[in-house]
């Protein structure tokens, strides 16, 4: 879960700000960032959507933020 902190800091947000946005306590987010707790799948999906990255990227399975960059481009253009 190392990428959660990396992504949060790159976005310039505090634990409290992220907590308010995704509905997870700042204590739990801190635990995820320090590998003290693993989020449930639903929470992982929420976090990935929040940062606009794939689950594989969030979990460190790939260095590519998007599995299908064309699909991501279409999604962000419609947002």
C-alpha atoms as a PDB file:
ATOM      1  CA  UNK A   1       0.000   0.000   0.000  1.00  0.00           C
ATOM      2  CA  UNK A   2       3.048   2.256  -0.315  1.00  0.00           C
ATOM      3  CA  UNK A   3       1.513   4.032  -3.282  1.00  0.00           C
ATOM      4  CA  UNK A   4      -1.382   5.449  -1.312  1.00  0.00           C
ATOM      5  CA  UNK A   5       0.889   7.836   0.563  1.00  0.00           C
ATOM      6  CA  UNK A   6       2.831   8.637  -2.599  1.00  0.00           C
ATOM      7  CA  UNK A   7      -0.360   9.488  -4.484  1.00  0.00           C
ATOM      8  CA  UNK A   8      -1.873  11.420  -1.576  1.00  0.00           C
ATOM      9  CA  UNK A   9       1.237  13.562  -1.132  1.00  0.00           C
ATOM     10  CA  UNK A  10       1.519  14.153  -4.888  1.00  0.00           C
ATOM     11  CA  UNK A  11      -2.050  15.448  -4.771  1.00  0.00           C
ATOM     12  CA  UNK A  12      -1.025  17.719  -1.899  1.00  0.00           C
ATOM     13  CA  UNK A  13      -3.599  16.391   0.549  1.00  0.00           C
ATOM     14  CA  UNK A  14      -3.472  15.556   4.226  1.00  0.00           C
ATOM     15  CA  UNK A  15      -4.807  12.369   5.751  1.00  0.00           C
ATOM     16  CA  UNK A  16      -7.792  14.348   7.061  1.00  0.00           C
ATOM     17  CA  UNK A  17      -8.610  15.751   3.613  1.00  0.00           C
ATOM     18  CA  UNK A  18      -8.432  12.343   1.973  1.00  0.00           C
ATOM     19  CA  UNK A  19     -10.479  10.868   4.806  1.00  0.00           C
ATOM     20  CA  UNK A  20     -13.260  13.392   4.261  1.00  0.00           C
ATOM     21  CA  UNK A  21     -13.290  12.779   0.509  1.00  0.00           C
ATOM     22  CA  UNK A  22     -13.445   8.960   0.539  1.00  0.00           C
ATOM     23  CA  UNK A  23     -15.217   8.271   3.829  1.00  0.00           C
ATOM     24  CA  UNK A  24     -12.433   6.264   5.487  1.00  0.00           C
ATOM     25  CA  UNK A  25     -10.946   7.348   8.810  1.00  0.00           C
ATOM     26  CA  UNK A  26      -7.569   9.048   8.693  1.00  0.00           C
ATOM     27  CA  UNK A  27      -6.290   6.409  11.146  1.00  0.00           C
ATOM     28  CA  UNK A  28      -7.161   3.642   8.682  1.00  0.00           C
ATOM     29  CA  UNK A  29      -5.561   5.500   5.786  1.00  0.00           C
ATOM     30  CA  UNK A  30      -2.400   5.891   7.857  1.00  0.00           C
ATOM     31  CA  UNK A  31      -2.451   2.170   8.609  1.00  0.00           C
ATOM     32  CA  UNK A  32      -2.806   1.398   4.890  1.00  0.00           C
ATOM     33  CA  UNK A  33       0.105   3.693   4.078  1.00  0.00           C
ATOM     34  CA  UNK A  34       2.342   1.988   6.636  1.00  0.00           C
ATOM     35  CA  UNK A  35       1.295  -1.585   5.730  1.00  0.00           C
ATOM     36  CA  UNK A  36      -0.255  -2.119   9.156  1.00  0.00           C
ATOM     37  CA  UNK A  37      -3.672  -2.918   7.705  1.00  0.00           C
ATOM     38  CA  UNK A  38      -5.023  -4.019   4.330  1.00  0.00           C
ATOM     39  CA  UNK A  39      -8.083  -2.279   2.930  1.00  0.00           C
ATOM     40  CA  UNK A  40     -11.081  -4.283   1.768  1.00  0.00           C
ATOM     41  CA  UNK A  41     -11.638  -4.574  -1.984  1.00  0.00           C
ATOM     42  CA  UNK A  42     -14.422  -1.968  -1.951  1.00  0.00           C
ATOM     43  CA  UNK A  43     -12.089   0.496  -0.194  1.00  0.00           C
ATOM     44  CA  UNK A  44      -9.276  -0.267  -2.653  1.00  0.00           C
ATOM     45  CA  UNK A  45     -11.632   0.498  -5.537  1.00  0.00           C
ATOM     46  CA  UNK A  46     -12.673   3.763  -3.880  1.00  0.00           C
ATOM     47  CA  UNK A  47      -9.034   4.775  -3.382  1.00  0.00           C
ATOM     48  CA  UNK A  48      -8.084   3.850  -6.967  1.00  0.00           C
ATOM     49  CA  UNK A  49     -11.030   5.845  -8.313  1.00  0.00           C
ATOM     50  CA  UNK A  50     -10.167   8.776  -6.053  1.00  0.00           C
ATOM     51  CA  UNK A  51      -6.656   8.985  -7.479  1.00  0.00           C
ATOM     52  CA  UNK A  52      -7.688   7.968 -10.993  1.00  0.00           C
ATOM     53  CA  UNK A  53      -5.374   4.962 -11.159  1.00  0.00           C
ATOM     54  CA  UNK A  54      -5.828   1.250 -11.794  1.00  0.00           C
ATOM     55  CA  UNK A  55      -5.993  -1.257  -8.962  1.00  0.00           C
ATOM     56  CA  UNK A  56      -2.877  -2.927 -10.354  1.00  0.00           C
ATOM     57  CA  UNK A  57      -0.969   0.339 -10.057  1.00  0.00           C
ATOM     58  CA  UNK A  58      -2.281   1.001  -6.573  1.00  0.00           C
ATOM     59  CA  UNK A  59      -1.236  -2.485  -5.456  1.00  0.00           C
ATOM     60  CA  UNK A  60       2.215  -2.177  -7.014  1.00  0.00           C
ATOM     61  CA  UNK A  61       1.604  -4.902  -9.609  1.00  0.00           C
ATOM     62  CA  UNK A  62       2.521  -2.526 -12.441  1.00  0.00           C
ATOM     63  CA  UNK A  63       4.173   0.831 -12.938  1.00  0.00           C
ATOM     64  CA  UNK A  64       1.574   1.774 -15.553  1.00  0.00           C
ATOM     65  CA  UNK A  65      -1.136   3.884 -13.975  1.00  0.00           C
ATOM     66  CA  UNK A  66      -3.624   2.848 -16.656  1.00  0.00           C
ATOM     67  CA  UNK A  67      -4.284  -0.548 -18.127  1.00  0.00           C
ATOM     68  CA  UNK A  68      -6.114   1.001 -21.073  1.00  0.00           C
ATOM     69  CA  UNK A  69      -4.931   4.573 -21.590  1.00  0.00           C
ATOM     70  CA  UNK A  70      -7.438   5.166 -24.400  1.00  0.00           C
ATOM     71  CA  UNK A  71     -10.342   4.243 -22.118  1.00  0.00           C
ATOM     72  CA  UNK A  72      -8.928   6.475 -19.371  1.00  0.00           C
ATOM     73  CA  UNK A  73      -8.671   9.410 -21.752  1.00  0.00           C
ATOM     74  CA  UNK A  74     -12.300   9.012 -22.756  1.00  0.00           C
ATOM     75  CA  UNK A  75     -13.347   8.819 -19.098  1.00  0.00           C
ATOM     76  CA  UNK A  76     -11.460  11.934 -18.032  1.00  0.00           C
ATOM     77  CA  UNK A  77     -12.705  13.925 -21.024  1.00  0.00           C
ATOM     78  CA  UNK A  78     -16.313  13.151 -20.059  1.00  0.00           C
ATOM     79  CA  UNK A  79     -15.804  14.052 -16.390  1.00  0.00           C
END
